[in-house]
Every structure is written in structure tokens, then in C-alpha cells.
Amino acid sequence: MLTTINEENLEIYTKIWARFNEAGDGYELTIADNGPGIKDSLKKNLLSIERRSGGVGILQCVQIASKYGGAFEIHDRIAGSPEMGAKFRLWLPKVHV
């Protein structure tokens, strides 16, 4: 995911934030940037396994989330302002052994 974020923003100064924490009955990894963002119309295509319009990292996140009952989402870093950057969220449920 970090490679995808960085490749899209080569000509601007980009900050990247990563956070890992407990979220309800699972764990979430959130990665955000202050790049040009992702248009709403493209977000849906990036998450589609069939269309494969996203990078390999995004495809792997979608597949891992699907396989283990989690979720992978793409949002605006600042809600309603896609030009202010993107936020990627991978959530996986806790496993009780």
C-alpha cells in the first residue's frame, strides 16, 4: 500500500501516516497520505478483484480481508475532500485460540 501511495505522488511533498490499533473485535491498520487523493469513481474499481485496476498491494489487501472475514476500504483522508489525500483501512477480526 505504501508503494502505491508514493508512486501516485512523485512530484509533490507527501506525508504518510500509519496507525495500527485494536478496533472492536478486531485490529485495524490505517495508512493515509496528503497527496492528490483518489476520485470516488476510481475507489470502487480499485477494490474490485475482477477488474484488477489497483496495484498488487491493494489486490492483496482485498484478498486477505475477504479470506479472513475482514474489510479493506478506501476513503478520503478528510471526509468530503478527496483532493486532500487518501486513507486506506485494513480491518481483520481477532482470532481466539
N, C-alpha and C. Protein backbone atom coordinates (compact mmCIF):
# COMPACT_ATOMS: atom_id res chain seq x y z
N MET A 1 0.82 -1.19 0.00
CA MET A 1 0.00 0.00 0.00
C MET A 1 0.87 1.26 0.00
N LEU A 2 1.96 1.24 0.75
CA LEU A 2 2.81 2.42 0.80
C LEU A 2 3.42 2.73 -0.55
N THR A 3 3.80 1.70 -1.29
CA THR A 3 4.36 1.91 -2.62
C THR A 3 3.35 2.57 -3.53
N THR A 4 2.11 2.08 -3.50
CA THR A 4 1.06 2.64 -4.33
C THR A 4 0.85 4.11 -4.00
N ILE A 5 0.79 4.43 -2.73
CA ILE A 5 0.58 5.82 -2.32
C ILE A 5 1.73 6.68 -2.82
N ASN A 6 2.97 6.23 -2.64
CA ASN A 6 4.13 7.01 -3.01
C ASN A 6 4.26 7.17 -4.53
N GLU A 7 3.98 6.13 -5.31
CA GLU A 7 4.09 6.21 -6.76
C GLU A 7 3.14 7.24 -7.35
N GLU A 8 1.98 7.42 -6.74
CA GLU A 8 0.99 8.36 -7.24
C GLU A 8 1.38 9.81 -6.96
N ASN A 9 2.34 10.04 -6.09
CA ASN A 9 2.64 11.39 -5.62
C ASN A 9 4.12 11.75 -5.76
N LEU A 10 4.74 11.40 -6.86
CA LEU A 10 6.17 11.61 -7.01
C LEU A 10 6.57 13.08 -7.07
N GLU A 11 5.70 13.94 -7.57
CA GLU A 11 6.08 15.33 -7.80
C GLU A 11 5.69 16.28 -6.68
N ILE A 12 5.13 15.79 -5.62
CA ILE A 12 4.74 16.66 -4.52
C ILE A 12 5.32 16.13 -3.22
N TYR A 13 5.43 17.01 -2.25
CA TYR A 13 5.91 16.59 -0.93
C TYR A 13 4.76 15.88 -0.24
N THR A 14 4.95 14.62 0.04
CA THR A 14 3.87 13.82 0.61
C THR A 14 4.23 13.34 2.01
N LYS A 15 3.27 13.46 2.91
CA LYS A 15 3.40 12.87 4.24
C LYS A 15 2.54 11.61 4.25
N ILE A 16 3.04 10.59 4.93
CA ILE A 16 2.30 9.34 5.05
C ILE A 16 2.18 9.02 6.54
N TRP A 17 0.96 8.70 6.96
CA TRP A 17 0.69 8.33 8.34
C TRP A 17 0.27 6.87 8.38
N ALA A 18 0.78 6.12 9.33
CA ALA A 18 0.38 4.72 9.52
C ALA A 18 -0.02 4.54 10.98
N ARG A 19 -1.10 3.80 11.18
CA ARG A 19 -1.58 3.56 12.54
C ARG A 19 -2.11 2.13 12.62
N PHE A 20 -1.76 1.45 13.70
CA PHE A 20 -2.26 0.10 13.95
C PHE A 20 -2.87 0.10 15.34
N ASN A 21 -4.11 -0.35 15.45
CA ASN A 21 -4.74 -0.37 16.77
C ASN A 21 -5.85 -1.41 16.84
N GLU A 22 -6.27 -1.66 18.07
CA GLU A 22 -7.40 -2.55 18.32
C GLU A 22 -8.67 -1.78 17.95
N ALA A 23 -9.57 -2.44 17.25
CA ALA A 23 -10.81 -1.78 16.82
C ALA A 23 -11.96 -2.76 17.00
N GLY A 24 -12.70 -2.60 18.09
CA GLY A 24 -13.81 -3.51 18.35
C GLY A 24 -13.32 -4.92 18.57
N ASP A 25 -13.85 -5.85 17.80
CA ASP A 25 -13.45 -7.25 17.94
C ASP A 25 -12.40 -7.64 16.91
N GLY A 26 -11.56 -6.66 16.54
CA GLY A 26 -10.50 -6.93 15.57
C GLY A 26 -9.38 -5.92 15.69
N TYR A 27 -8.55 -5.88 14.66
CA TYR A 27 -7.42 -4.96 14.59
C TYR A 27 -7.49 -4.23 13.27
N GLU A 28 -7.05 -2.97 13.27
CA GLU A 28 -7.06 -2.23 12.02
C GLU A 28 -5.71 -1.58 11.76
N LEU A 29 -5.35 -1.58 10.50
CA LEU A 29 -4.17 -0.87 10.01
C LEU A 29 -4.70 0.22 9.10
N THR A 30 -4.36 1.46 9.41
CA THR A 30 -4.80 2.59 8.60
C THR A 30 -3.56 3.31 8.08
N ILE A 31 -3.55 3.55 6.78
CA ILE A 31 -2.46 4.29 6.15
C ILE A 31 -3.10 5.44 5.38
N ALA A 32 -2.60 6.66 5.59
CA ALA A 32 -3.16 7.83 4.94
C ALA A 32 -2.03 8.69 4.38
N ASP A 33 -2.37 9.52 3.39
CA ASP A 33 -1.39 10.45 2.83
C ASP A 33 -2.06 11.79 2.56
N ASN A 34 -1.24 12.79 2.26
CA ASN A 34 -1.76 14.11 1.92
C ASN A 34 -1.59 14.41 0.44
N GLY A 35 -1.56 13.36 -0.38
CA GLY A 35 -1.41 13.51 -1.82
C GLY A 35 -2.68 14.02 -2.48
N PRO A 36 -2.77 13.87 -3.81
CA PRO A 36 -3.92 14.40 -4.56
C PRO A 36 -5.21 13.62 -4.34
N GLY A 37 -5.17 12.51 -3.64
CA GLY A 37 -6.39 11.75 -3.36
C GLY A 37 -6.81 10.85 -4.50
N ILE A 38 -7.95 10.19 -4.31
CA ILE A 38 -8.49 9.25 -5.28
C ILE A 38 -9.95 9.62 -5.52
N LYS A 39 -10.32 9.78 -6.78
CA LYS A 39 -11.70 10.11 -7.13
C LYS A 39 -12.63 8.99 -6.68
N ASP A 40 -13.84 9.37 -6.26
CA ASP A 40 -14.83 8.38 -5.80
C ASP A 40 -15.08 7.31 -6.85
N SER A 41 -15.13 7.70 -8.13
CA SER A 41 -15.40 6.73 -9.20
C SER A 41 -14.29 5.70 -9.32
N LEU A 42 -13.07 6.05 -8.97
CA LEU A 42 -11.94 5.13 -9.06
C LEU A 42 -11.84 4.22 -7.84
N LYS A 43 -12.29 4.67 -6.68
CA LYS A 43 -12.19 3.87 -5.45
C LYS A 43 -12.86 2.51 -5.61
N LYS A 44 -14.04 2.49 -6.19
CA LYS A 44 -14.78 1.23 -6.37
C LYS A 44 -14.00 0.27 -7.28
N ASN A 45 -13.43 0.80 -8.36
CA ASN A 45 -12.66 -0.04 -9.28
C ASN A 45 -11.40 -0.60 -8.63
N LEU A 46 -10.77 0.18 -7.77
CA LEU A 46 -9.55 -0.29 -7.10
C LEU A 46 -9.83 -1.47 -6.18
N LEU A 47 -11.04 -1.53 -5.63
CA LEU A 47 -11.40 -2.61 -4.70
C LEU A 47 -11.94 -3.85 -5.40
N SER A 48 -12.13 -3.79 -6.70
CA SER A 48 -12.70 -4.91 -7.44
C SER A 48 -11.62 -5.93 -7.81
N ILE A 49 -11.80 -7.16 -7.33
CA ILE A 49 -10.85 -8.23 -7.67
C ILE A 49 -10.94 -8.56 -9.15
N GLU A 50 -12.14 -8.52 -9.71
CA GLU A 50 -12.33 -8.87 -11.11
C GLU A 50 -11.67 -7.87 -12.06
N ARG A 51 -11.74 -6.59 -11.73
CA ARG A 51 -11.24 -5.55 -12.65
C ARG A 51 -9.74 -5.37 -12.55
N ARG A 52 -9.15 -5.65 -11.41
CA ARG A 52 -7.71 -5.51 -11.17
C ARG A 52 -7.14 -4.20 -11.66
N SER A 53 -7.81 -3.11 -11.38
CA SER A 53 -7.29 -1.81 -11.78
C SER A 53 -6.37 -1.22 -10.72
N GLY A 54 -6.32 -1.85 -9.56
CA GLY A 54 -5.43 -1.37 -8.50
C GLY A 54 -4.08 -2.05 -8.59
N GLY A 55 -3.16 -1.62 -7.77
CA GLY A 55 -1.86 -2.26 -7.74
C GLY A 55 -1.94 -3.61 -7.05
N VAL A 56 -0.84 -4.33 -7.07
CA VAL A 56 -0.79 -5.66 -6.46
C VAL A 56 -1.04 -5.56 -4.95
N GLY A 57 -0.53 -4.53 -4.30
CA GLY A 57 -0.72 -4.36 -2.86
C GLY A 57 -2.18 -4.21 -2.48
N ILE A 58 -2.92 -3.42 -3.25
CA ILE A 58 -4.34 -3.25 -2.99
C ILE A 58 -5.07 -4.56 -3.22
N LEU A 59 -4.75 -5.25 -4.30
CA LEU A 59 -5.38 -6.54 -4.59
C LEU A 59 -5.12 -7.53 -3.45
N GLN A 60 -3.90 -7.58 -2.95
CA GLN A 60 -3.58 -8.49 -1.85
C GLN A 60 -4.35 -8.13 -0.58
N CYS A 61 -4.49 -6.86 -0.29
CA CYS A 61 -5.27 -6.44 0.89
C CYS A 61 -6.72 -6.86 0.75
N VAL A 62 -7.31 -6.68 -0.43
CA VAL A 62 -8.70 -7.08 -0.67
C VAL A 62 -8.84 -8.59 -0.49
N GLN A 63 -7.91 -9.37 -1.03
CA GLN A 63 -7.97 -10.83 -0.93
C GLN A 63 -7.79 -11.30 0.51
N ILE A 64 -6.86 -10.73 1.24
CA ILE A 64 -6.63 -11.11 2.64
C ILE A 64 -7.86 -10.79 3.47
N ALA A 65 -8.42 -9.60 3.30
CA ALA A 65 -9.62 -9.22 4.04
C ALA A 65 -10.76 -10.18 3.75
N SER A 66 -10.94 -10.53 2.49
CA SER A 66 -12.01 -11.45 2.10
C SER A 66 -11.80 -12.84 2.69
N LYS A 67 -10.58 -13.33 2.63
CA LYS A 67 -10.28 -14.68 3.10
C LYS A 67 -10.49 -14.83 4.61
N TYR A 68 -10.18 -13.79 5.38
CA TYR A 68 -10.22 -13.90 6.84
C TYR A 68 -11.41 -13.17 7.48
N GLY A 69 -12.39 -12.81 6.68
CA GLY A 69 -13.59 -12.18 7.22
C GLY A 69 -13.40 -10.74 7.67
N GLY A 70 -12.47 -10.06 7.05
CA GLY A 70 -12.19 -8.67 7.40
C GLY A 70 -12.76 -7.70 6.39
N ALA A 71 -12.17 -6.53 6.34
CA ALA A 71 -12.62 -5.49 5.41
C ALA A 71 -11.42 -4.65 4.97
N PHE A 72 -11.46 -4.22 3.71
CA PHE A 72 -10.48 -3.28 3.20
C PHE A 72 -11.25 -2.15 2.55
N GLU A 73 -10.93 -0.92 2.94
CA GLU A 73 -11.69 0.24 2.47
C GLU A 73 -10.75 1.36 2.04
N ILE A 74 -11.23 2.15 1.10
CA ILE A 74 -10.51 3.35 0.68
C ILE A 74 -11.43 4.54 0.94
N HIS A 75 -10.91 5.54 1.65
CA HIS A 75 -11.70 6.73 1.98
C HIS A 75 -10.89 7.98 1.65
N ASP A 76 -11.54 9.13 1.71
CA ASP A 76 -10.83 10.40 1.68
C ASP A 76 -10.17 10.57 3.05
N ARG A 77 -8.94 11.09 3.06
CA ARG A 77 -8.29 11.33 4.35
C ARG A 77 -9.13 12.31 5.18
N ILE A 78 -9.65 13.32 4.53
CA ILE A 78 -10.59 14.25 5.16
C ILE A 78 -11.92 14.06 4.44
N ALA A 79 -12.92 13.57 5.17
CA ALA A 79 -14.21 13.23 4.56
C ALA A 79 -14.76 14.38 3.71
N GLY A 80 -15.14 14.03 2.47
CA GLY A 80 -15.72 15.00 1.55
C GLY A 80 -14.70 15.84 0.80
N SER A 81 -13.41 15.62 1.03
CA SER A 81 -12.36 16.39 0.35
C SER A 81 -11.33 15.44 -0.25
N PRO A 82 -11.68 14.77 -1.37
CA PRO A 82 -10.75 13.79 -1.94
C PRO A 82 -9.41 14.39 -2.36
N GLU A 83 -9.37 15.68 -2.66
CA GLU A 83 -8.13 16.31 -3.08
C GLU A 83 -7.13 16.48 -1.94
N MET A 84 -7.55 16.17 -0.71
CA MET A 84 -6.69 16.32 0.46
C MET A 84 -5.97 15.02 0.84
N GLY A 85 -6.07 13.99 0.02
CA GLY A 85 -5.37 12.75 0.30
C GLY A 85 -6.31 11.58 0.47
N ALA A 86 -5.72 10.40 0.55
CA ALA A 86 -6.49 9.16 0.66
C ALA A 86 -6.17 8.46 1.98
N LYS A 87 -7.10 7.61 2.39
CA LYS A 87 -6.90 6.80 3.60
C LYS A 87 -7.30 5.37 3.27
N PHE A 88 -6.41 4.43 3.55
CA PHE A 88 -6.64 3.01 3.32
C PHE A 88 -6.79 2.33 4.67
N ARG A 89 -7.81 1.49 4.82
CA ARG A 89 -8.06 0.83 6.11
C ARG A 89 -8.22 -0.67 5.89
N LEU A 90 -7.38 -1.45 6.57
CA LEU A 90 -7.48 -2.91 6.58
C LEU A 90 -7.89 -3.32 7.98
N TRP A 91 -9.01 -4.01 8.10
CA TRP A 91 -9.51 -4.50 9.39
C TRP A 91 -9.60 -6.01 9.33
N LEU A 92 -9.06 -6.68 10.36
CA LEU A 92 -9.13 -8.14 10.47
C LEU A 92 -9.65 -8.51 11.85
N PRO A 93 -10.52 -9.53 11.92
CA PRO A 93 -11.07 -9.93 13.21
C PRO A 93 -10.02 -10.60 14.08
N LYS A 94 -10.23 -10.50 15.40
CA LYS A 94 -9.35 -11.21 16.34
C LYS A 94 -9.59 -12.70 16.19
N VAL A 95 -8.53 -13.44 16.40
CA VAL A 95 -8.63 -14.90 16.39
C VAL A 95 -8.43 -15.38 17.81
N HIS A 96 -9.39 -16.12 18.32
CA HIS A 96 -9.30 -16.65 19.68
C HIS A 96 -8.88 -18.11 19.60
N VAL A 97 -7.74 -18.41 20.22
CA VAL A 97 -7.20 -19.76 20.15
C VAL A 97 -7.43 -20.48 21.46
